[in-house]
Amino acid sequence: MPPPRTREKALRQRLAELRGPEVQAKALDARALAALAANPGCRRRAILDGAGVDKAVLADALGSPSVFGQSQFAFVRGNAFEAKVKADGGTELLRLAHEKLDRAAEPPAGAHVPDLTAQGPHGRTARTELALREATEAAGAWTLLDHPMLALDVAGSPAFLEPDAVVVHPDGSWTVVEIKSFPMLDGVADPAKVGAAARQSAVYVLALEQVAARLESAPRVRHRILLVCPKDFSNLPTASAVDVRKQRAVTARQLARLTRIEEIADTLPEGTCFSPELPAERLTEAVESVPASYAPECLSACELAFHCRDRSRAEGAVTRLGRPVRAELGGLTTVGDVLAAARGEAGDPDDPAVAALRRAAALRAEALATAAPEVAPCP
């Protein structure tokens, strides 16, 4: 077996070939990683994200444009709010961290904000780890890491992640900070948006835990993250402590289930490439060479969802009806199979799913027959 560095170099070269030599790799961020963990059975998304393919551009080239993503207005507003929160060396941010997470500690009269500048993602990751180690050893002080760089192994391929901030408390523990532009009205934010932020932050917590495990005396990575949002209808920051233990456990379990990127790459036909510069027919053939696992939830999490939904409809796959329905149907994978089983034309009668379908069809027919109104003669 070749040494790890040789294998990693060969994998990077293979992924560059899949992406296209002229195409710039798109970094895998925490939001995409959380969506990938939510659907670990989708080999298509795993290989495309691992290769750094821009799925929005790919969807346009396939003729199924994506409407998924953040508007430019929301992006600019979010950046402006984040700058306000971190102004004056993060004074307001640390005040919120003290108020919501660590009242027993001394109030932050001032904080150390280390310079995390370095060359490339590997350099920034090493600089971040060094800064975390130094801040942990400097007991009794608050430290704010602005946009640190963390690395997380995803199916055998490293993903570089950049949280909004990480706070090192005086006791040496670490907290992930997530800054969002959606408001907290009377101290409560939209539950769906808070859930998405929690799933994204859980990825950062996992990456921080890997860094902590490499230190001599592993510091505690707090499972309550600091979510900072605008207060009511103003631009003033407020915060809430969000427990992400559940999201962290689910994300860790799902990431462990992901098939390794090199295993998926080895199954692809020779010459497979996902470059959007390719002719539409060849590009479609390349994308379809990797099996997908479409579900309605993909519409809010993946740029290729419209393309996969159209293919799922064309094939009559039951996955488009949702994962709970798919799980109940067992070995029946198409709508045609389901209808044939319900009519008694196919399927094993001893199969619980087939038996349930036939019973449901019989009850439906009985109900329709009983409820059918008598046809009155025309006057």
Protein backbone atom coordinates (compact mmCIF):
# COMPACT_ATOMS: atom_id res chain seq x y z
CA MET A 1 0.00 0.00 0.00
CA PRO A 2 1.44 3.46 -0.91
CA PRO A 3 2.27 5.87 1.96
CA PRO A 4 -0.49 8.30 3.08
CA ARG A 5 1.10 11.35 1.45
CA THR A 6 1.38 9.54 -1.89
CA ARG A 7 -2.24 8.38 -1.65
CA GLU A 8 -3.41 11.89 -0.77
CA LYS A 9 -1.49 13.40 -3.69
CA ALA A 10 -2.92 10.78 -6.10
CA LEU A 11 -6.43 11.47 -4.79
CA ARG A 12 -6.04 15.24 -5.25
CA GLN A 13 -4.87 14.67 -8.81
CA ARG A 14 -7.80 12.34 -9.51
CA LEU A 15 -10.30 14.85 -8.10
CA ALA A 16 -8.75 17.64 -10.19
CA GLU A 17 -9.25 15.49 -13.29
CA LEU A 18 -12.90 14.95 -12.35
CA ARG A 19 -13.41 18.67 -11.80
CA GLY A 20 -11.63 19.66 -14.99
CA PRO A 21 -8.08 21.06 -15.10
CA GLU A 22 -9.32 24.52 -16.07
CA VAL A 23 -11.93 24.75 -13.27
CA GLN A 24 -11.15 26.32 -9.90
CA ALA A 25 -12.07 24.10 -6.95
CA LYS A 26 -14.97 25.24 -4.78
CA ALA A 27 -14.25 24.92 -1.08
CA LEU A 28 -16.52 22.68 0.97
CA ASP A 29 -17.97 24.88 3.71
CA ALA A 30 -19.80 23.89 6.88
CA ARG A 31 -23.24 24.53 5.39
CA ALA A 32 -22.56 22.18 2.49
CA LEU A 33 -20.99 19.67 4.84
CA ALA A 34 -24.05 19.68 7.09
CA ALA A 35 -26.26 19.09 4.03
CA LEU A 36 -23.97 16.27 2.89
CA ALA A 37 -24.16 14.66 6.33
CA ALA A 38 -27.96 14.86 6.18
CA ASN A 39 -27.93 12.65 3.07
CA PRO A 40 -24.90 10.35 3.43
CA GLY A 41 -26.25 7.85 0.92
CA CYS A 42 -25.90 10.27 -2.01
CA ARG A 43 -22.68 9.24 -3.72
CA ARG A 44 -23.22 11.90 -6.39
CA ARG A 45 -23.07 14.78 -3.94
CA ALA A 46 -20.17 13.17 -2.07
CA ILE A 47 -17.92 12.95 -5.15
CA LEU A 48 -18.93 16.36 -6.51
CA ASP A 49 -18.28 18.10 -3.19
CA GLY A 50 -15.08 16.12 -2.69
CA ALA A 51 -13.83 17.18 -6.12
CA GLY A 52 -14.69 20.82 -5.46
CA VAL A 53 -17.25 21.03 -8.28
CA ASP A 54 -19.44 24.15 -8.20
CA LYS A 55 -22.86 22.47 -8.29
CA ALA A 56 -24.69 25.73 -9.10
CA VAL A 57 -22.65 26.17 -12.29
CA LEU A 58 -23.06 22.47 -13.05
CA ALA A 59 -26.84 22.71 -12.65
CA ASP A 60 -26.93 25.61 -15.13
CA ALA A 61 -24.89 23.60 -17.64
CA LEU A 62 -27.28 20.65 -17.25
CA GLY A 63 -30.30 22.86 -18.00
CA SER A 64 -31.73 22.68 -14.46
CA PRO A 65 -30.78 26.04 -12.90
CA SER A 66 -30.70 26.16 -9.12
CA VAL A 67 -32.58 28.69 -7.02
CA PHE A 68 -30.77 27.50 -3.90
CA GLY A 69 -28.41 29.91 -2.19
CA GLN A 70 -28.15 33.26 -0.43
CA SER A 71 -29.18 36.50 -2.11
CA GLN A 72 -26.53 39.14 -2.69
CA PHE A 73 -28.47 41.58 -0.52
CA ALA A 74 -28.55 39.12 2.41
CA PHE A 75 -24.84 38.43 1.91
CA VAL A 76 -23.92 42.13 2.09
CA ARG A 77 -26.21 42.70 5.07
CA GLY A 78 -24.70 39.72 6.89
CA ASN A 79 -21.14 40.96 6.32
CA ALA A 80 -22.05 44.43 7.60
CA PHE A 81 -23.65 43.01 10.74
CA GLU A 82 -20.68 40.71 11.41
CA ALA A 83 -18.29 43.66 11.13
CA LYS A 84 -20.40 45.57 13.66
CA VAL A 85 -20.40 42.64 16.10
CA LYS A 86 -16.60 42.26 15.91
CA ALA A 87 -15.79 45.98 16.07
CA ASP A 88 -13.38 47.29 18.74
CA GLY A 89 -11.55 44.00 19.07
CA GLY A 90 -14.73 42.01 19.60
CA THR A 91 -15.70 43.88 22.78
CA GLU A 92 -19.45 43.41 22.29
CA LEU A 93 -19.05 39.83 21.13
CA LEU A 94 -17.07 38.88 24.24
CA ARG A 95 -19.58 40.67 26.46
CA LEU A 96 -22.33 38.51 24.97
CA ALA A 97 -20.21 35.37 25.42
CA HIS A 98 -19.69 36.25 29.09
CA GLU A 99 -23.37 37.06 29.63
CA LYS A 100 -24.83 34.00 27.90
CA LEU A 101 -22.21 31.31 28.53
CA ASP A 102 -19.76 32.11 31.32
CA ARG A 103 -21.10 34.44 34.02
CA ALA A 104 -18.83 32.82 36.62
CA ALA A 105 -15.72 34.08 34.82
CA GLU A 106 -14.24 37.54 35.13
CA PRO A 107 -15.85 40.01 32.69
CA PRO A 108 -13.71 40.54 29.58
CA ALA A 109 -11.97 43.87 30.19
CA GLY A 110 -9.96 43.21 27.05
CA ALA A 111 -9.15 40.30 24.81
CA HIS A 112 -6.27 38.98 22.82
CA VAL A 113 -7.07 38.75 19.09
CA PRO A 114 -4.20 36.81 17.47
CA ASP A 115 -3.22 37.28 13.85
CA LEU A 116 -4.24 34.14 11.95
CA THR A 117 -2.79 35.17 8.59
CA ALA A 118 -0.89 32.39 6.79
CA GLN A 119 -0.28 31.05 3.29
CA GLY A 120 -2.95 28.68 1.98
CA PRO A 121 -5.52 26.61 3.90
CA HIS A 122 -2.91 24.23 5.34
CA GLY A 123 -0.89 27.17 6.66
CA ARG A 124 -3.96 28.86 8.12
CA THR A 125 -5.03 25.60 9.78
CA ALA A 126 -1.61 25.21 11.42
CA ARG A 127 -1.63 28.87 12.52
CA THR A 128 -5.10 28.45 14.05
CA GLU A 129 -4.03 25.34 15.97
CA LEU A 130 -1.00 27.18 17.33
CA ALA A 131 -3.16 30.15 18.39
CA LEU A 132 -5.63 27.84 20.15
CA ARG A 133 -2.80 26.10 21.99
CA GLU A 134 -1.27 29.41 23.13
CA ALA A 135 -4.65 30.81 24.20
CA THR A 136 -5.46 27.68 26.19
CA GLU A 137 -2.13 27.83 28.01
CA ALA A 138 -2.68 31.52 28.87
CA ALA A 139 -5.14 30.77 31.67
CA GLY A 140 -7.30 33.60 33.01
CA ALA A 141 -7.60 35.58 29.77
CA TRP A 142 -10.22 35.86 27.05
CA THR A 143 -9.10 35.23 23.46
CA LEU A 144 -11.07 35.83 20.27
CA LEU A 145 -10.09 34.01 17.07
CA ASP A 146 -11.58 35.87 14.11
CA HIS A 147 -12.31 33.54 11.17
CA PRO A 148 -10.00 30.68 12.18
CA MET A 149 -9.38 27.84 9.74
CA LEU A 150 -10.21 24.27 10.81
CA ALA A 151 -9.73 20.98 8.98
CA LEU A 152 -12.13 18.04 9.14
CA ASP A 153 -11.68 14.68 7.44
CA VAL A 154 -14.69 13.92 5.24
CA ALA A 155 -14.76 10.49 3.64
CA GLY A 156 -10.98 10.43 3.42
CA SER A 157 -10.65 13.93 1.99
CA PRO A 158 -9.83 17.03 4.10
CA ALA A 159 -12.42 19.82 4.24
CA PHE A 160 -11.26 23.26 5.38
CA LEU A 161 -13.84 25.12 7.45
CA GLU A 162 -13.99 28.75 8.55
CA PRO A 163 -16.31 29.56 11.47
CA ASP A 164 -17.21 33.19 12.13
CA ALA A 165 -15.27 33.11 15.39
CA VAL A 166 -14.04 30.93 18.24
CA VAL A 167 -13.82 32.21 21.81
CA VAL A 168 -11.30 30.79 24.28
CA HIS A 169 -12.61 31.29 27.84
CA PRO A 170 -10.42 32.08 30.87
CA ASP A 171 -10.74 28.43 31.97
CA GLY A 172 -9.27 27.29 28.63
CA SER A 173 -12.53 25.95 27.12
CA TRP A 174 -13.53 26.76 23.53
CA THR A 175 -16.83 28.06 22.13
CA VAL A 176 -17.97 28.31 18.52
CA VAL A 177 -19.58 31.64 17.56
CA GLU A 178 -22.10 31.77 14.73
CA ILE A 179 -23.20 35.22 13.50
CA LYS A 180 -26.41 35.41 11.47
CA SER A 181 -28.36 38.32 9.99
CA PHE A 182 -31.87 36.99 10.73
CA PRO A 183 -33.47 38.76 13.73
CA MET A 184 -34.33 37.63 17.24
CA LEU A 185 -37.76 39.01 18.04
CA ASP A 186 -38.35 39.27 21.80
CA GLY A 187 -35.39 36.93 22.29
CA VAL A 188 -36.72 34.24 19.92
CA ALA A 189 -35.56 33.54 16.35
CA ASP A 190 -37.10 31.48 13.55
CA PRO A 191 -36.77 27.83 14.73
CA ALA A 192 -35.98 26.58 11.22
CA LYS A 193 -33.14 29.08 10.82
CA VAL A 194 -31.83 28.35 14.31
CA GLY A 195 -31.85 24.63 13.48
CA ALA A 196 -29.86 25.23 10.31
CA ALA A 197 -27.34 27.33 12.26
CA ALA A 198 -27.07 24.59 14.90
CA ARG A 199 -26.33 21.93 12.26
CA GLN A 200 -23.70 24.16 10.69
CA SER A 201 -22.11 24.91 14.07
CA ALA A 202 -22.06 21.20 14.95
CA VAL A 203 -19.60 20.71 12.07
CA TYR A 204 -17.30 23.33 13.60
CA VAL A 205 -17.58 21.67 17.01
CA LEU A 206 -16.48 18.34 15.49
CA ALA A 207 -13.50 20.01 13.81
CA LEU A 208 -12.51 21.77 17.06
CA GLU A 209 -12.70 18.48 18.95
CA GLN A 210 -10.15 17.00 16.55
CA VAL A 211 -7.82 19.93 17.23
CA ALA A 212 -8.32 19.59 21.00
CA ALA A 213 -7.53 15.87 20.85
CA ARG A 214 -4.07 16.64 19.42
CA LEU A 215 -3.09 18.84 22.38
CA GLU A 216 -1.34 17.41 25.43
CA SER A 217 -4.13 18.28 27.86
CA ALA A 218 -7.21 18.34 25.66
CA PRO A 219 -9.33 21.43 26.47
CA ARG A 220 -13.09 21.25 26.65
CA VAL A 221 -15.00 22.14 23.51
CA ARG A 222 -18.31 23.54 24.70
CA HIS A 223 -21.44 22.04 23.14
CA ARG A 224 -23.39 25.26 23.67
CA ILE A 225 -22.54 27.63 20.84
CA LEU A 226 -23.12 31.39 20.84
CA LEU A 227 -25.65 32.43 18.18
CA VAL A 228 -25.47 36.19 17.55
CA CYS A 229 -28.31 37.94 15.67
CA PRO A 230 -29.82 41.44 15.30
CA LYS A 231 -32.14 42.39 18.14
CA ASP A 232 -35.77 42.84 17.07
CA PHE A 233 -35.84 45.23 14.08
CA SER A 234 -32.61 47.05 14.90
CA ASN A 235 -29.00 46.40 13.94
CA LEU A 236 -27.95 45.93 17.57
CA PRO A 237 -26.52 42.50 18.38
CA THR A 238 -28.10 40.09 20.81
CA ALA A 239 -27.26 36.45 21.44
CA SER A 240 -28.54 33.10 22.57
CA ALA A 241 -26.77 29.95 23.78
CA VAL A 242 -27.77 27.00 21.57
CA ASP A 243 -27.09 23.41 22.63
CA VAL A 244 -25.82 21.47 19.59
CA ARG A 245 -25.13 18.09 21.22
CA LYS A 246 -27.90 16.38 19.28
CA GLN A 247 -26.81 17.91 15.95
CA ARG A 248 -23.17 17.04 16.69
CA ALA A 249 -24.01 13.39 17.39
CA VAL A 250 -26.13 13.06 14.25
CA THR A 251 -23.54 14.78 12.05
CA ALA A 252 -20.70 12.62 13.40
CA ARG A 253 -22.71 9.45 12.79
CA GLN A 254 -23.70 10.48 9.27
CA LEU A 255 -20.19 11.54 8.28
CA ALA A 256 -18.91 8.17 9.46
CA ARG A 257 -21.36 6.50 7.07
CA LEU A 258 -20.08 8.36 4.02
CA THR A 259 -18.35 6.18 1.46
CA ARG A 260 -14.73 7.22 1.05
CA ILE A 261 -14.19 9.57 -1.88
CA GLU A 262 -11.50 7.40 -3.49
CA GLU A 263 -13.83 4.38 -3.46
CA ILE A 264 -16.46 6.34 -5.40
CA ALA A 265 -13.84 7.71 -7.79
CA ASP A 266 -12.55 4.20 -8.50
CA THR A 267 -16.00 3.09 -9.72
CA LEU A 268 -16.31 5.86 -12.33
CA PRO A 269 -15.69 5.16 -16.01
CA GLU A 270 -12.31 6.18 -17.39
CA GLY A 271 -12.27 9.79 -18.57
CA THR A 272 -15.23 10.92 -16.45
CA CYS A 273 -15.20 14.69 -16.03
CA PHE A 274 -17.72 17.14 -14.54
CA SER A 275 -16.43 20.29 -16.23
CA PRO A 276 -19.34 22.61 -17.20
CA GLU A 277 -17.45 23.36 -20.42
CA LEU A 278 -18.28 19.89 -21.76
CA PRO A 279 -21.15 19.32 -24.22
CA ALA A 280 -24.49 18.86 -22.44
CA GLU A 281 -24.88 15.21 -23.47
CA ARG A 282 -21.42 14.21 -22.25
CA LEU A 283 -21.85 16.18 -19.02
CA THR A 284 -25.21 14.54 -18.34
CA GLU A 285 -23.69 11.12 -18.95
CA ALA A 286 -20.89 11.88 -16.48
CA VAL A 287 -23.30 13.06 -13.76
CA GLU A 288 -25.61 10.08 -14.27
CA SER A 289 -22.66 7.69 -13.93
CA VAL A 290 -22.75 8.41 -10.17
CA PRO A 291 -25.89 7.21 -8.35
CA ALA A 292 -27.87 9.83 -6.44
CA SER A 293 -30.19 9.51 -3.49
CA TYR A 294 -32.84 12.15 -4.12
CA ALA A 295 -35.39 13.16 -1.50
CA PRO A 296 -37.67 16.22 -1.30
CA GLU A 297 -35.42 17.65 1.43
CA CYS A 298 -32.70 18.10 -1.21
CA LEU A 299 -34.65 21.04 -2.67
CA SER A 300 -33.57 23.22 0.27
CA ALA A 301 -30.00 21.93 0.50
CA CYS A 302 -28.53 21.00 -2.90
CA GLU A 303 -28.04 22.93 -6.13
CA LEU A 304 -28.59 19.79 -8.22
CA ALA A 305 -31.96 19.01 -6.63
CA PHE A 306 -34.05 20.00 -9.68
CA HIS A 307 -31.97 17.84 -12.00
CA CYS A 308 -32.15 14.85 -9.65
CA ARG A 309 -35.88 15.35 -9.12
CA ASP A 310 -36.56 15.30 -12.86
CA ARG A 311 -34.54 12.08 -13.20
CA SER A 312 -36.32 10.56 -10.23
CA ARG A 313 -39.71 11.37 -11.75
CA ALA A 314 -38.69 9.96 -15.13
CA GLU A 315 -37.61 6.70 -13.47
CA GLY A 316 -40.72 6.55 -11.29
CA ALA A 317 -38.56 6.24 -8.17
CA VAL A 318 -40.39 6.24 -4.84
CA THR A 319 -37.61 8.28 -3.22
CA ARG A 320 -39.28 11.42 -4.58
CA LEU A 321 -42.18 10.71 -2.20
CA GLY A 322 -39.90 11.18 0.83
CA ARG A 323 -37.63 9.04 2.97
CA PRO A 324 -40.37 7.84 5.40
CA VAL A 325 -42.45 6.48 2.49
CA ARG A 326 -39.37 4.91 0.92
CA ALA A 327 -38.52 3.17 4.18
CA GLU A 328 -42.05 1.72 4.51
CA LEU A 329 -42.03 0.27 0.98
CA GLY A 330 -39.04 -2.02 1.50
CA GLY A 331 -37.95 -3.63 -1.77
CA LEU A 332 -40.51 -1.75 -3.90
CA THR A 333 -38.39 0.95 -5.51
CA THR A 334 -40.65 2.35 -8.25
CA VAL A 335 -44.18 3.72 -8.33
CA GLY A 336 -45.04 1.09 -10.94
CA ASP A 337 -43.95 -1.68 -8.59
CA VAL A 338 -46.07 -0.18 -5.79
CA LEU A 339 -49.21 0.06 -7.92
CA ALA A 340 -48.73 -3.45 -9.32
CA ALA A 341 -48.34 -4.82 -5.80
CA ALA A 342 -51.44 -2.98 -4.59
CA ARG A 343 -53.51 -4.41 -7.49
CA GLY A 344 -52.25 -7.92 -6.83
CA GLU A 345 -50.44 -8.12 -10.16
CA ALA A 346 -46.95 -8.53 -8.67
CA GLY A 347 -45.12 -8.86 -5.38
CA ASP A 348 -44.75 -11.50 -2.70
CA PRO A 349 -47.97 -11.77 -0.63
CA ASP A 350 -45.86 -12.61 2.43
CA ASP A 351 -43.97 -9.31 2.12
CA PRO A 352 -45.37 -6.98 4.83
CA ALA A 353 -45.21 -3.96 2.50
CA VAL A 354 -47.10 -5.83 -0.27
CA ALA A 355 -49.69 -7.12 2.19
CA ALA A 356 -50.23 -3.61 3.60
CA LEU A 357 -50.64 -2.15 0.11
CA ARG A 358 -53.21 -4.75 -0.90
CA ARG A 359 -55.13 -4.26 2.33
CA ALA A 360 -55.11 -0.49 1.79
CA ALA A 361 -56.30 -0.91 -1.81
CA ALA A 362 -59.15 -3.19 -0.67
CA LEU A 363 -60.24 -0.73 2.02
CA ARG A 364 -60.14 2.14 -0.47
CA ALA A 365 -62.27 0.23 -2.98
CA GLU A 366 -64.74 -0.68 -0.25
CA ALA A 367 -64.98 2.92 0.96
CA LEU A 368 -65.54 4.25 -2.57
CA ALA A 369 -68.21 1.66 -3.25
CA THR A 370 -70.04 2.49 -0.02
CA ALA A 371 -69.82 6.26 -0.47
CA ALA A 372 -70.79 6.31 -4.17
CA PRO A 373 -74.03 8.33 -4.49
CA GLU A 374 -76.94 6.97 -6.47
CA VAL A 375 -77.26 8.59 -9.85
CA ALA A 376 -80.54 10.47 -9.93
CA PRO A 377 -82.45 10.47 -13.20
CA CYS A 378 -82.52 13.68 -15.15
CA PRO A 379 -85.72 15.66 -14.67
